């Protein structure tokens, strides 16, 4: 028993470390936030403040380095923010997991020497996945890294209001090749090239499956 535990000491150490990290993240996001670091938001009560008045938090230039800033807890838009955050994180992690599974198709086909599975399975699946959901992840990360409240010297917004990524994906198929100026996520955004690669993957995948069945 001791020999088995000693042989797996490193994986046990990693499992314990990741369990502690996951527990702290879960507690920080879904339960009681722990103010380990300085918050990136400050609440300044205006003169004549009365109970029930809305107070808007102001950024102080700091970035909370772990989990979610505890200043979000108890705010009116807390659920709006966290639901959007959890949805985007679920998409990112889910696409990473599915992409890893598709990569296993390549290694299995290589091991069993089945090139048709690479041409008719791995390539179209990866092409379809990354053309749609890989592009979605890029837009999510881009939207997170842009300061949408930035203003010029005159006080006018530098960028448009951040567009809905859900609408971006929907209109990718409804209005290919054209993006309204107010709906652009970044300069020069087009949808035609991304949309055009995904449908091409479907017949290639079906054709590869038919060739595999007829062998």
N, C-alpha and C. Protein backbone atom coordinates (compact mmCIF):
# COMPACT_ATOMS: atom_id res chain seq x y z
N UNK A 1 0.83 -1.20 0.00
CA UNK A 1 0.00 0.00 0.00
C UNK A 1 0.87 1.25 0.00
N UNK A 2 1.86 1.27 0.90
CA UNK A 2 2.73 2.44 0.99
C UNK A 2 3.52 2.61 -0.30
N UNK A 3 3.95 1.47 -0.88
CA UNK A 3 4.73 1.55 -2.12
C UNK A 3 3.89 2.14 -3.26
N UNK A 4 2.61 1.78 -3.31
CA UNK A 4 1.73 2.31 -4.35
C UNK A 4 1.52 3.81 -4.16
N UNK A 5 1.29 4.23 -2.91
CA UNK A 5 1.11 5.66 -2.63
C UNK A 5 2.38 6.43 -2.92
N UNK A 6 3.53 5.85 -2.53
CA UNK A 6 4.80 6.54 -2.76
C UNK A 6 5.10 6.67 -4.25
N UNK A 7 4.74 5.64 -5.02
CA UNK A 7 4.96 5.71 -6.45
C UNK A 7 4.10 6.77 -7.13
N UNK A 8 2.93 7.06 -6.57
CA UNK A 8 2.06 8.08 -7.14
C UNK A 8 2.07 9.38 -6.37
N UNK A 9 3.16 9.67 -5.67
CA UNK A 9 3.22 10.84 -4.79
C UNK A 9 3.07 12.15 -5.55
N UNK A 10 3.59 12.19 -6.76
CA UNK A 10 3.54 13.43 -7.52
C UNK A 10 2.12 13.71 -8.03
N UNK A 11 1.46 12.66 -8.51
CA UNK A 11 0.10 12.87 -8.99
C UNK A 11 -0.84 13.17 -7.82
N UNK A 12 -0.57 12.57 -6.65
CA UNK A 12 -1.37 12.88 -5.46
C UNK A 12 -1.16 14.34 -5.05
N UNK A 13 0.09 14.80 -5.13
CA UNK A 13 0.39 16.20 -4.82
C UNK A 13 -0.34 17.14 -5.77
N UNK A 14 -0.32 16.82 -7.06
CA UNK A 14 -1.00 17.67 -8.04
C UNK A 14 -2.51 17.64 -7.83
N UNK A 15 -3.05 16.46 -7.54
CA UNK A 15 -4.49 16.36 -7.29
C UNK A 15 -4.89 17.20 -6.08
N UNK A 16 -4.08 17.18 -5.02
CA UNK A 16 -4.38 18.00 -3.85
C UNK A 16 -4.29 19.48 -4.16
N UNK A 17 -3.25 19.87 -4.91
CA UNK A 17 -3.08 21.29 -5.24
C UNK A 17 -4.23 21.79 -6.10
N UNK A 18 -4.63 21.02 -7.10
CA UNK A 18 -5.72 21.43 -7.97
C UNK A 18 -7.06 21.41 -7.23
N UNK A 19 -7.21 20.51 -6.27
CA UNK A 19 -8.44 20.49 -5.47
C UNK A 19 -8.56 21.76 -4.64
N UNK A 20 -7.45 22.19 -4.04
CA UNK A 20 -7.45 23.43 -3.26
C UNK A 20 -7.74 24.62 -4.16
N UNK A 21 -7.10 24.65 -5.33
CA UNK A 21 -7.33 25.76 -6.26
C UNK A 21 -8.78 25.80 -6.72
N UNK A 22 -9.33 24.63 -7.10
CA UNK A 22 -10.71 24.57 -7.56
C UNK A 22 -11.67 24.99 -6.45
N UNK A 23 -11.41 24.53 -5.21
CA UNK A 23 -12.26 24.91 -4.09
C UNK A 23 -12.23 26.40 -3.84
N UNK A 24 -11.05 27.01 -3.93
CA UNK A 24 -10.95 28.46 -3.71
C UNK A 24 -11.65 29.22 -4.82
N UNK A 25 -11.51 28.77 -6.06
CA UNK A 25 -12.18 29.43 -7.16
C UNK A 25 -13.69 29.30 -7.04
N UNK A 26 -14.16 28.11 -6.68
CA UNK A 26 -15.59 27.89 -6.53
C UNK A 26 -16.15 28.77 -5.42
N UNK A 27 -15.42 28.84 -4.32
CA UNK A 27 -15.87 29.68 -3.20
C UNK A 27 -15.85 31.15 -3.60
N UNK A 28 -14.83 31.56 -4.33
CA UNK A 28 -14.68 32.97 -4.67
C UNK A 28 -15.76 33.42 -5.65
N UNK A 29 -16.16 32.53 -6.57
CA UNK A 29 -17.10 32.93 -7.61
C UNK A 29 -18.55 32.71 -7.17
N UNK A 30 -18.82 31.57 -6.52
CA UNK A 30 -20.20 31.18 -6.25
C UNK A 30 -20.62 31.35 -4.79
N UNK A 31 -19.68 31.58 -3.89
CA UNK A 31 -20.04 31.63 -2.48
C UNK A 31 -19.49 32.92 -1.85
N UNK A 32 -18.79 32.78 -0.76
CA UNK A 32 -18.29 33.93 -0.01
C UNK A 32 -16.93 34.35 -0.53
N UNK A 33 -16.85 35.55 -1.10
CA UNK A 33 -15.59 36.04 -1.64
C UNK A 33 -14.63 36.39 -0.50
N UNK A 34 -13.37 36.10 -0.72
CA UNK A 34 -12.34 36.41 0.27
C UNK A 34 -11.48 37.55 -0.26
N UNK A 35 -11.46 38.67 0.44
CA UNK A 35 -10.70 39.84 -0.06
C UNK A 35 -9.21 39.71 0.21
N UNK A 36 -8.55 38.83 -0.55
CA UNK A 36 -7.11 38.66 -0.37
C UNK A 36 -6.32 39.84 -0.91
N UNK A 37 -6.84 40.47 -1.97
CA UNK A 37 -6.10 41.53 -2.64
C UNK A 37 -6.97 42.79 -2.72
N UNK A 38 -6.35 43.85 -3.17
CA UNK A 38 -7.07 45.12 -3.30
C UNK A 38 -8.06 45.05 -4.45
N UNK A 39 -9.24 45.57 -4.21
CA UNK A 39 -10.27 45.57 -5.24
C UNK A 39 -9.94 46.57 -6.34
N UNK A 40 -10.44 46.28 -7.53
CA UNK A 40 -10.25 47.20 -8.64
C UNK A 40 -11.34 48.23 -8.77
N UNK A 41 -12.30 48.24 -7.82
CA UNK A 41 -13.41 49.18 -7.85
C UNK A 41 -13.54 49.89 -6.51
N UNK A 42 -14.00 51.11 -6.55
CA UNK A 42 -14.21 51.89 -5.33
C UNK A 42 -15.60 52.53 -5.38
N UNK A 43 -16.27 52.50 -4.24
CA UNK A 43 -17.60 53.11 -4.12
C UNK A 43 -17.47 54.40 -3.31
N UNK A 44 -17.80 55.51 -3.92
CA UNK A 44 -17.75 56.81 -3.25
C UNK A 44 -19.18 57.31 -3.07
N UNK A 45 -19.58 57.47 -1.82
CA UNK A 45 -20.94 57.94 -1.55
C UNK A 45 -21.03 59.44 -1.81
N UNK A 46 -21.96 59.86 -2.65
CA UNK A 46 -22.08 61.30 -2.94
C UNK A 46 -22.70 62.05 -1.77
N UNK A 47 -22.57 63.35 -1.81
CA UNK A 47 -23.20 64.19 -0.78
C UNK A 47 -24.72 64.06 -0.88
N UNK A 48 -25.34 63.96 0.25
CA UNK A 48 -26.78 63.80 0.28
C UNK A 48 -27.24 62.38 -0.01
N UNK A 49 -26.35 61.44 0.14
CA UNK A 49 -26.72 60.04 -0.13
C UNK A 49 -27.78 59.56 0.85
N UNK A 50 -28.76 58.85 0.34
CA UNK A 50 -29.81 58.27 1.16
C UNK A 50 -29.88 56.78 0.88
N UNK A 51 -30.36 56.04 1.85
CA UNK A 51 -30.46 54.59 1.70
C UNK A 51 -31.40 54.26 0.53
N UNK A 52 -30.91 53.43 -0.36
CA UNK A 52 -31.67 53.07 -1.55
C UNK A 52 -31.20 53.75 -2.80
N UNK A 53 -30.37 54.79 -2.68
CA UNK A 53 -29.82 55.45 -3.86
C UNK A 53 -28.80 54.54 -4.55
N UNK A 54 -28.72 54.68 -5.86
CA UNK A 54 -27.78 53.88 -6.63
C UNK A 54 -26.42 54.55 -6.62
N UNK A 55 -25.39 53.79 -6.28
CA UNK A 55 -24.01 54.27 -6.28
C UNK A 55 -23.24 53.50 -7.34
N UNK A 56 -22.62 54.20 -8.27
CA UNK A 56 -21.87 53.58 -9.36
C UNK A 56 -20.41 53.46 -8.94
N UNK A 57 -19.88 52.25 -9.03
CA UNK A 57 -18.48 52.01 -8.69
C UNK A 57 -17.57 52.62 -9.75
N UNK A 58 -16.42 53.09 -9.30
CA UNK A 58 -15.44 53.69 -10.20
C UNK A 58 -14.16 52.86 -10.19
N UNK A 59 -13.60 52.57 -11.37
CA UNK A 59 -12.35 51.80 -11.40
C UNK A 59 -11.20 52.62 -10.85
N UNK A 60 -10.29 51.94 -10.14
CA UNK A 60 -9.14 52.62 -9.56
C UNK A 60 -7.82 52.24 -10.23
N UNK A 61 -7.90 51.50 -11.33
CA UNK A 61 -6.69 51.15 -12.06
C UNK A 61 -6.07 49.83 -11.66
N UNK A 62 -6.59 49.17 -10.63
CA UNK A 62 -6.04 47.89 -10.20
C UNK A 62 -6.84 46.75 -10.84
N UNK A 63 -6.16 45.63 -11.04
CA UNK A 63 -6.80 44.42 -11.56
C UNK A 63 -6.73 43.34 -10.50
N UNK A 64 -7.89 42.81 -10.13
CA UNK A 64 -7.92 41.76 -9.12
C UNK A 64 -7.29 40.50 -9.70
N UNK A 65 -6.25 39.94 -9.08
CA UNK A 65 -5.48 38.87 -9.73
C UNK A 65 -6.03 37.46 -9.56
N UNK A 66 -7.05 37.27 -8.72
CA UNK A 66 -7.51 35.90 -8.45
C UNK A 66 -9.02 35.86 -8.40
N UNK A 67 -9.61 35.02 -9.25
CA UNK A 67 -11.06 34.87 -9.21
C UNK A 67 -11.78 36.12 -9.67
N UNK A 68 -12.91 36.37 -9.03
CA UNK A 68 -13.74 37.53 -9.35
C UNK A 68 -13.58 38.58 -8.26
N UNK A 69 -13.45 39.81 -8.67
CA UNK A 69 -13.32 40.91 -7.73
C UNK A 69 -14.50 40.88 -6.74
N UNK A 70 -14.18 40.91 -5.44
CA UNK A 70 -15.24 40.79 -4.43
C UNK A 70 -16.18 41.98 -4.41
N UNK A 71 -15.84 43.07 -5.07
CA UNK A 71 -16.73 44.22 -5.12
C UNK A 71 -17.99 43.92 -5.92
N UNK A 72 -17.96 42.89 -6.77
CA UNK A 72 -19.14 42.54 -7.54
C UNK A 72 -20.24 41.96 -6.67
N UNK A 73 -19.88 41.31 -5.59
CA UNK A 73 -20.87 40.66 -4.74
C UNK A 73 -21.77 41.71 -4.08
N UNK A 74 -23.06 41.53 -4.23
CA UNK A 74 -24.02 42.44 -3.64
C UNK A 74 -24.45 43.58 -4.55
N UNK A 75 -23.87 43.68 -5.74
CA UNK A 75 -24.26 44.75 -6.66
C UNK A 75 -25.52 44.35 -7.43
N UNK A 76 -26.19 45.34 -8.02
CA UNK A 76 -27.43 45.07 -8.73
C UNK A 76 -27.20 44.27 -10.02
N UNK A 77 -26.06 44.47 -10.66
CA UNK A 77 -25.77 43.78 -11.91
C UNK A 77 -24.85 42.57 -11.70
N UNK A 78 -24.84 42.04 -10.49
CA UNK A 78 -23.97 40.90 -10.19
C UNK A 78 -24.35 39.67 -11.02
N UNK A 79 -25.65 39.34 -11.05
CA UNK A 79 -26.09 38.16 -11.81
C UNK A 79 -25.87 38.35 -13.30
N UNK A 80 -26.11 39.56 -13.80
CA UNK A 80 -25.90 39.83 -15.22
C UNK A 80 -24.44 39.60 -15.60
N UNK A 81 -23.55 40.04 -14.73
CA UNK A 81 -22.12 39.88 -15.02
C UNK A 81 -21.68 38.43 -14.88
N UNK A 82 -22.03 37.78 -13.78
CA UNK A 82 -21.56 36.42 -13.53
C UNK A 82 -22.17 35.41 -14.49
N UNK A 83 -23.43 35.60 -14.88
CA UNK A 83 -24.03 34.68 -15.84
C UNK A 83 -23.32 34.76 -17.19
N UNK A 84 -23.01 35.97 -17.61
CA UNK A 84 -22.26 36.14 -18.86
C UNK A 84 -20.87 35.54 -18.74
N UNK A 85 -20.24 35.76 -17.60
CA UNK A 85 -18.89 35.23 -17.38
C UNK A 85 -18.88 33.71 -17.39
N UNK A 86 -19.83 33.10 -16.70
CA UNK A 86 -19.88 31.64 -16.63
C UNK A 86 -20.21 31.04 -17.99
N UNK A 87 -21.07 31.70 -18.74
CA UNK A 87 -21.41 31.19 -20.07
C UNK A 87 -20.19 31.20 -20.98
N UNK A 88 -19.45 32.30 -20.97
CA UNK A 88 -18.27 32.39 -21.83
C UNK A 88 -17.19 31.41 -21.39
N UNK A 89 -16.99 31.26 -20.10
CA UNK A 89 -16.00 30.29 -19.61
C UNK A 89 -16.40 28.87 -19.99
N UNK A 90 -17.69 28.56 -19.95
CA UNK A 90 -18.17 27.24 -20.33
C UNK A 90 -17.90 26.98 -21.81
N UNK A 91 -18.11 27.99 -22.64
CA UNK A 91 -17.84 27.84 -24.07
C UNK A 91 -16.36 27.59 -24.31
N UNK A 92 -15.50 28.37 -23.67
CA UNK A 92 -14.06 28.24 -23.87
C UNK A 92 -13.57 26.87 -23.44
N UNK A 93 -13.94 26.45 -22.24
CA UNK A 93 -13.48 25.15 -21.73
C UNK A 93 -14.09 24.00 -22.54
N UNK A 94 -15.36 24.14 -22.93
CA UNK A 94 -15.99 23.09 -23.72
C UNK A 94 -15.34 22.92 -25.08
N UNK A 95 -15.03 24.01 -25.76
CA UNK A 95 -14.39 23.93 -27.07
C UNK A 95 -12.97 23.36 -26.94
N UNK A 96 -12.27 23.71 -25.88
CA UNK A 96 -10.93 23.14 -25.65
C UNK A 96 -11.03 21.63 -25.48
N UNK A 97 -11.99 21.17 -24.69
CA UNK A 97 -12.16 19.73 -24.48
C UNK A 97 -12.52 19.03 -25.78
N UNK A 98 -13.45 19.60 -26.54
CA UNK A 98 -13.86 18.96 -27.79
C UNK A 98 -12.72 18.97 -28.81
N UNK A 99 -11.94 20.04 -28.83
CA UNK A 99 -10.79 20.08 -29.74
C UNK A 99 -9.76 19.03 -29.37
N UNK A 100 -9.59 18.81 -28.07
CA UNK A 100 -8.68 17.76 -27.63
C UNK A 100 -9.18 16.39 -28.08
N UNK A 101 -10.49 16.17 -27.98
CA UNK A 101 -11.06 14.91 -28.44
C UNK A 101 -10.88 14.71 -29.94
N UNK A 102 -11.02 15.79 -30.71
CA UNK A 102 -10.81 15.68 -32.16
C UNK A 102 -9.35 15.35 -32.46
N UNK A 103 -8.42 15.92 -31.67
CA UNK A 103 -7.01 15.60 -31.87
C UNK A 103 -6.73 14.12 -31.62
N UNK A 104 -7.51 13.50 -30.73
CA UNK A 104 -7.35 12.07 -30.49
C UNK A 104 -7.72 11.25 -31.72
N UNK A 105 -8.63 11.79 -32.55
CA UNK A 105 -8.96 11.11 -33.80
C UNK A 105 -7.72 10.98 -34.68
N UNK A 106 -6.94 12.04 -34.72
CA UNK A 106 -5.71 12.02 -35.53
C UNK A 106 -4.72 10.97 -35.02
N UNK A 107 -4.50 10.95 -33.71
CA UNK A 107 -3.51 10.01 -33.17
C UNK A 107 -4.00 8.57 -33.27
N UNK A 108 -5.30 8.35 -33.12
CA UNK A 108 -5.83 7.00 -33.31
C UNK A 108 -5.69 6.54 -34.75
N UNK A 109 -6.01 7.45 -35.68
CA UNK A 109 -5.88 7.10 -37.09
C UNK A 109 -4.42 6.83 -37.47
N UNK A 110 -3.54 7.60 -36.89
CA UNK A 110 -2.11 7.39 -37.16
C UNK A 110 -1.63 6.07 -36.58
N UNK A 111 -2.11 5.74 -35.39
CA UNK A 111 -1.68 4.50 -34.73
C UNK A 111 -2.19 3.27 -35.49
N UNK A 112 -3.46 3.32 -35.91
CA UNK A 112 -4.05 2.18 -36.61
C UNK A 112 -3.84 2.25 -38.13
N UNK A 113 -3.09 3.26 -38.58
CA UNK A 113 -2.74 3.42 -39.99
C UNK A 113 -4.01 3.48 -40.87
N UNK A 114 -4.87 4.43 -40.52
CA UNK A 114 -6.11 4.64 -41.26
C UNK A 114 -6.14 6.10 -41.74
N UNK A 115 -5.46 6.38 -42.86
CA UNK A 115 -5.40 7.78 -43.34
C UNK A 115 -6.76 8.36 -43.70
N UNK A 116 -7.73 7.49 -44.05
CA UNK A 116 -9.05 8.01 -44.39
C UNK A 116 -9.70 8.69 -43.20
N UNK A 117 -9.36 8.23 -41.99
CA UNK A 117 -9.93 8.87 -40.80
C UNK A 117 -9.34 10.26 -40.58
N UNK A 118 -8.13 10.48 -41.06
CA UNK A 118 -7.52 11.81 -40.95
C UNK A 118 -8.13 12.76 -41.98
N UNK A 119 -8.23 12.27 -43.22
CA UNK A 119 -8.74 13.11 -44.30
C UNK A 119 -10.24 13.34 -44.16
N UNK A 120 -10.98 12.27 -43.84
CA UNK A 120 -12.43 12.38 -43.76
C UNK A 120 -12.99 12.55 -42.37
N UNK A 121 -12.13 12.56 -41.36
CA UNK A 121 -12.60 12.72 -39.99
C UNK A 121 -11.96 13.88 -39.26
N UNK A 122 -10.65 13.79 -39.07
CA UNK A 122 -9.95 14.81 -38.28
C UNK A 122 -10.01 16.17 -38.96
N UNK A 123 -9.66 16.24 -40.23
CA UNK A 123 -9.57 17.53 -40.93
C UNK A 123 -10.93 18.25 -40.99
N UNK A 124 -12.01 17.60 -41.46
CA UNK A 124 -13.29 18.33 -41.51
C UNK A 124 -13.84 18.66 -40.13
N UNK A 125 -13.65 17.77 -39.15
CA UNK A 125 -14.14 18.07 -37.81
C UNK A 125 -13.41 19.27 -37.21
N UNK A 126 -12.09 19.29 -37.34
CA UNK A 126 -11.33 20.41 -36.81
C UNK A 126 -11.63 21.69 -37.58
N UNK A 127 -11.81 21.58 -38.88
CA UNK A 127 -12.13 22.76 -39.68
C UNK A 127 -13.47 23.34 -39.28
N UNK A 128 -14.47 22.49 -39.10
CA UNK A 128 -15.79 22.96 -38.71
C UNK A 128 -15.75 23.56 -37.30
N UNK A 129 -15.08 22.88 -36.37
CA UNK A 129 -15.03 23.34 -34.98
C UNK A 129 -14.36 24.70 -34.87
N UNK A 130 -13.20 24.85 -35.48
CA UNK A 130 -12.45 26.09 -35.31
C UNK A 130 -13.02 27.23 -36.14
N UNK A 131 -13.67 26.91 -37.27
CA UNK A 131 -14.26 27.97 -38.09
C UNK A 131 -15.42 28.66 -37.37
N UNK A 132 -16.13 27.91 -36.55
CA UNK A 132 -17.27 28.49 -35.84
C UNK A 132 -16.93 28.79 -34.39
N UNK A 133 -16.64 27.74 -33.63
CA UNK A 133 -16.46 27.93 -32.20
C UNK A 133 -15.06 28.42 -31.84
N UNK A 134 -14.07 28.09 -32.67
CA UNK A 134 -12.75 28.68 -32.45
C UNK A 134 -12.79 30.18 -32.66
N UNK A 135 -13.52 30.59 -33.70
CA UNK A 135 -13.70 32.03 -33.96
C UNK A 135 -14.46 32.69 -32.81
N UNK A 136 -15.44 31.97 -32.26
CA UNK A 136 -16.20 32.50 -31.12
C UNK A 136 -15.29 32.73 -29.92
N UNK A 137 -14.37 31.81 -29.66
CA UNK A 137 -13.44 31.97 -28.55
C UNK A 137 -12.55 33.20 -28.77
N UNK A 138 -12.10 33.39 -30.00
CA UNK A 138 -11.27 34.56 -30.30
C UNK A 138 -12.03 35.85 -30.02
N UNK A 139 -13.31 35.89 -30.42
CA UNK A 139 -14.10 37.09 -30.17
C UNK A 139 -14.35 37.30 -28.67
N UNK A 140 -14.52 36.20 -27.92
CA UNK A 140 -14.71 36.33 -26.47
C UNK A 140 -13.46 36.93 -25.83
N UNK A 141 -12.30 36.38 -26.17
CA UNK A 141 -11.04 36.87 -25.59
C UNK A 141 -10.78 38.31 -26.02
N UNK A 142 -11.10 38.63 -27.26
CA UNK A 142 -10.90 40.00 -27.73
C UNK A 142 -11.82 40.96 -26.97
N UNK A 143 -13.06 40.55 -26.78
CA UNK A 143 -14.01 41.41 -26.09
C UNK A 143 -13.59 41.64 -24.64
N UNK A 144 -12.96 40.64 -24.03
CA UNK A 144 -12.49 40.78 -22.65
C UNK A 144 -11.29 41.73 -22.54
N UNK A 145 -10.46 41.77 -23.56
CA UNK A 145 -9.21 42.53 -23.47
C UNK A 145 -9.34 43.98 -23.91
N UNK A 146 -10.49 44.37 -24.44
CA UNK A 146 -10.67 45.74 -24.95
C UNK A 146 -11.33 46.60 -23.88
N UNK A 147 -10.82 47.81 -23.72
CA UNK A 147 -11.41 48.78 -22.80
C UNK A 147 -12.53 49.52 -23.55
N UNK A 148 -13.76 49.05 -23.36
CA UNK A 148 -14.89 49.60 -24.10
C UNK A 148 -15.33 50.96 -23.55
N UNK A 149 -14.85 51.34 -22.39
CA UNK A 149 -15.21 52.64 -21.82
C UNK A 149 -14.18 53.72 -22.15
N UNK A 150 -13.20 53.41 -22.98
CA UNK A 150 -12.16 54.37 -23.31
C UNK A 150 -12.75 55.56 -24.08
N UNK A 151 -12.28 56.74 -23.76
CA UNK A 151 -12.73 57.96 -24.42
C UNK A 151 -11.54 58.73 -24.97
N UNK A 152 -11.83 59.61 -25.93
CA UNK A 152 -10.76 60.44 -26.50
C UNK A 152 -10.59 61.70 -25.67
N UNK A 153 -9.77 62.63 -26.17
CA UNK A 153 -9.50 63.87 -25.43
C UNK A 153 -10.75 64.72 -25.25
N UNK A 154 -11.71 64.56 -26.14
CA UNK A 154 -12.95 65.33 -26.05
C UNK A 154 -14.00 64.66 -25.17
N UNK A 155 -13.70 63.46 -24.69
CA UNK A 155 -14.65 62.76 -23.85
C UNK A 155 -15.63 61.88 -24.59
N UNK A 156 -15.42 61.73 -25.91
CA UNK A 156 -16.31 60.89 -26.70
C UNK A 156 -15.78 59.44 -26.70
N UNK A 157 -16.69 58.47 -26.73
CA UNK A 157 -16.25 57.06 -26.74
C UNK A 157 -15.40 56.76 -27.98
N UNK A 158 -14.33 56.02 -27.77
CA UNK A 158 -13.46 55.64 -28.88
C UNK A 158 -14.08 54.51 -29.69
N UNK A 159 -14.81 53.63 -29.03
CA UNK A 159 -15.39 52.45 -29.69
C UNK A 159 -16.90 52.45 -29.53
N UNK A 160 -17.54 51.60 -30.33
CA UNK A 160 -18.97 51.42 -30.20
C UNK A 160 -19.29 50.66 -28.92
N UNK A 161 -20.58 50.61 -28.60
CA UNK A 161 -21.02 49.74 -27.51
C UNK A 161 -20.68 48.30 -27.85
N UNK A 162 -20.12 47.53 -26.93
CA UNK A 162 -19.73 46.15 -27.27
C UNK A 162 -20.91 45.35 -27.78
N UNK A 163 -20.80 44.76 -28.97
CA UNK A 163 -21.92 44.01 -29.54
C UNK A 163 -22.12 42.67 -28.85
N UNK A 164 -23.32 42.12 -29.01
CA UNK A 164 -23.62 40.81 -28.46
C UNK A 164 -22.97 39.74 -29.34
N UNK A 165 -22.19 38.85 -28.72
CA UNK A 165 -21.55 37.79 -29.49
C UNK A 165 -22.56 36.77 -30.01
N UNK A 166 -23.67 36.62 -29.27
CA UNK A 166 -24.73 35.72 -29.75
C UNK A 166 -25.29 36.23 -31.07
N UNK A 167 -25.56 37.53 -31.13
CA UNK A 167 -26.06 38.10 -32.38
C UNK A 167 -25.00 38.03 -33.49
N UNK A 168 -23.73 38.16 -33.11
CA UNK A 168 -22.66 38.05 -34.09
C UNK A 168 -22.67 36.68 -34.75
N UNK A 169 -22.85 35.61 -33.95
CA UNK A 169 -22.88 34.27 -34.51
C UNK A 169 -24.15 34.03 -35.34
N UNK A 170 -25.27 34.58 -34.89
CA UNK A 170 -26.52 34.39 -35.64
C UNK A 170 -26.46 35.08 -36.99
N UNK A 171 -26.01 36.35 -37.00
CA UNK A 171 -25.97 37.10 -38.26
C UNK A 171 -24.83 36.65 -39.16
N UNK A 172 -23.95 35.81 -38.65
CA UNK A 172 -22.92 35.22 -39.49
C UNK A 172 -23.55 34.39 -40.61
N UNK A 173 -24.73 33.81 -40.31
CA UNK A 173 -25.43 33.00 -41.30
C UNK A 173 -26.58 33.76 -41.96
N UNK A 174 -27.17 34.71 -41.25
CA UNK A 174 -28.29 35.44 -41.82
C UNK A 174 -27.84 36.50 -42.82
N UNK A 175 -26.75 37.21 -42.51
CA UNK A 175 -26.26 38.26 -43.40
C UNK A 175 -24.77 38.07 -43.63
N UNK A 176 -24.38 37.03 -44.36
CA UNK A 176 -22.94 36.80 -44.58
C UNK A 176 -22.32 37.89 -45.44
N UNK A 177 -21.10 38.25 -45.09
CA UNK A 177 -20.36 39.22 -45.89
C UNK A 177 -20.61 40.67 -45.54
N UNK A 178 -21.54 40.95 -44.63
CA UNK A 178 -21.83 42.34 -44.28
C UNK A 178 -22.06 42.44 -42.78
N UNK A 179 -21.48 43.48 -42.18
CA UNK A 179 -21.63 43.74 -40.75
C UNK A 179 -21.97 45.21 -40.58
N UNK A 180 -23.05 45.49 -39.87
CA UNK A 180 -23.40 46.88 -39.60
C UNK A 180 -22.29 47.56 -38.80
N UNK A 181 -22.07 48.82 -39.09
CA UNK A 181 -20.96 49.54 -38.47
C UNK A 181 -21.09 49.54 -36.95
N UNK A 182 -22.31 49.69 -36.44
CA UNK A 182 -22.49 49.74 -34.98
C UNK A 182 -22.39 48.37 -34.34
N UNK A 183 -22.40 47.30 -35.15
CA UNK A 183 -22.31 45.95 -34.61
C UNK A 183 -20.91 45.35 -34.76
N UNK A 184 -19.97 46.12 -35.28
CA UNK A 184 -18.63 45.58 -35.48
C UNK A 184 -17.90 45.43 -34.15
N UNK A 185 -17.29 44.26 -33.99
CA UNK A 185 -16.51 44.00 -32.79
C UNK A 185 -15.11 44.57 -32.91
N UNK A 186 -14.57 44.56 -34.12
CA UNK A 186 -13.24 45.10 -34.38
C UNK A 186 -13.23 45.66 -35.80
N UNK A 187 -12.30 46.57 -36.12
CA UNK A 187 -12.27 47.17 -37.45
C UNK A 187 -12.01 46.12 -38.53
N UNK A 188 -12.73 46.24 -39.63
CA UNK A 188 -12.54 45.33 -40.75
C UNK A 188 -13.18 43.97 -40.55
N UNK A 189 -14.11 43.84 -39.63
CA UNK A 189 -14.74 42.55 -39.37
C UNK A 189 -15.61 42.13 -40.54
N UNK A 190 -15.43 40.89 -41.00
CA UNK A 190 -16.26 40.29 -42.04
C UNK A 190 -16.64 38.89 -41.59
N UNK A 191 -17.70 38.36 -42.18
CA UNK A 191 -18.18 37.05 -41.78
C UNK A 191 -18.08 36.02 -42.90
N UNK A 192 -17.80 36.47 -44.11
CA UNK A 192 -17.90 35.58 -45.25
C UNK A 192 -16.86 34.46 -45.18
N UNK A 193 -15.59 34.80 -44.88
CA UNK A 193 -14.54 33.79 -44.93
C UNK A 193 -14.71 32.75 -43.84
N UNK A 194 -15.15 33.17 -42.65
CA UNK A 194 -15.34 32.22 -41.56
C UNK A 194 -16.50 31.30 -41.88
N UNK A 195 -17.59 31.87 -42.35
CA UNK A 195 -18.78 31.08 -42.63
C UNK A 195 -18.56 30.13 -43.79
N UNK A 196 -17.72 30.54 -44.76
CA UNK A 196 -17.55 29.73 -45.95
C UNK A 196 -16.81 28.44 -45.71
N UNK A 197 -15.95 28.38 -44.69
CA UNK A 197 -15.16 27.18 -44.46
C UNK A 197 -15.96 26.10 -43.75
N UNK A 198 -16.89 26.48 -42.88
CA UNK A 198 -17.63 25.50 -42.08
C UNK A 198 -18.49 24.58 -42.94
N UNK A 199 -19.32 25.09 -43.89
CA UNK A 199 -20.13 24.16 -44.69
C UNK A 199 -19.30 23.23 -45.56
N UNK A 200 -18.09 23.66 -45.94
CA UNK A 200 -17.24 22.79 -46.76
C UNK A 200 -16.79 21.56 -46.00
N UNK A 201 -16.76 21.64 -44.67
CA UNK A 201 -16.30 20.52 -43.88
C UNK A 201 -17.33 19.40 -43.81
N UNK A 202 -18.62 19.75 -43.89
CA UNK A 202 -19.68 18.74 -43.74
C UNK A 202 -19.64 17.69 -44.85
N UNK A 203 -19.65 18.06 -46.15
CA UNK A 203 -19.60 17.01 -47.18
C UNK A 203 -18.31 16.19 -47.15
N UNK A 204 -17.20 16.83 -46.78
CA UNK A 204 -15.94 16.09 -46.67
C UNK A 204 -16.02 15.04 -45.57
N UNK A 205 -16.64 15.41 -44.46
CA UNK A 205 -16.79 14.46 -43.36
C UNK A 205 -17.73 13.32 -43.73
N UNK A 206 -18.86 13.63 -44.36
CA UNK A 206 -19.80 12.58 -44.77
C UNK A 206 -19.17 11.66 -45.80
N UNK A 207 -18.44 12.24 -46.75
CA UNK A 207 -17.79 11.43 -47.77
C UNK A 207 -16.74 10.52 -47.14
N UNK A 208 -16.02 11.01 -46.16
CA UNK A 208 -15.03 10.17 -45.48
C UNK A 208 -15.69 9.02 -44.72
N UNK A 209 -16.83 9.29 -44.09
CA UNK A 209 -17.54 8.23 -43.39
C UNK A 209 -18.05 7.16 -44.36
N UNK A 210 -18.55 7.60 -45.52
CA UNK A 210 -19.05 6.63 -46.51
C UNK A 210 -17.91 5.76 -47.04
N UNK A 211 -16.74 6.36 -47.27
CA UNK A 211 -15.60 5.57 -47.72
C UNK A 211 -15.16 4.57 -46.65
N UNK A 212 -15.24 4.98 -45.39
CA UNK A 212 -14.86 4.09 -44.31
C UNK A 212 -15.83 2.92 -44.19
N UNK A 213 -17.12 3.18 -44.42
CA UNK A 213 -18.11 2.10 -44.31
C UNK A 213 -18.00 1.10 -45.46
N UNK A 214 -17.61 1.58 -46.64
CA UNK A 214 -17.55 0.69 -47.80
C UNK A 214 -16.29 -0.15 -47.84
N UNK A 215 -15.34 0.10 -46.95
CA UNK A 215 -14.11 -0.68 -46.97
C UNK A 215 -14.34 -2.06 -46.36
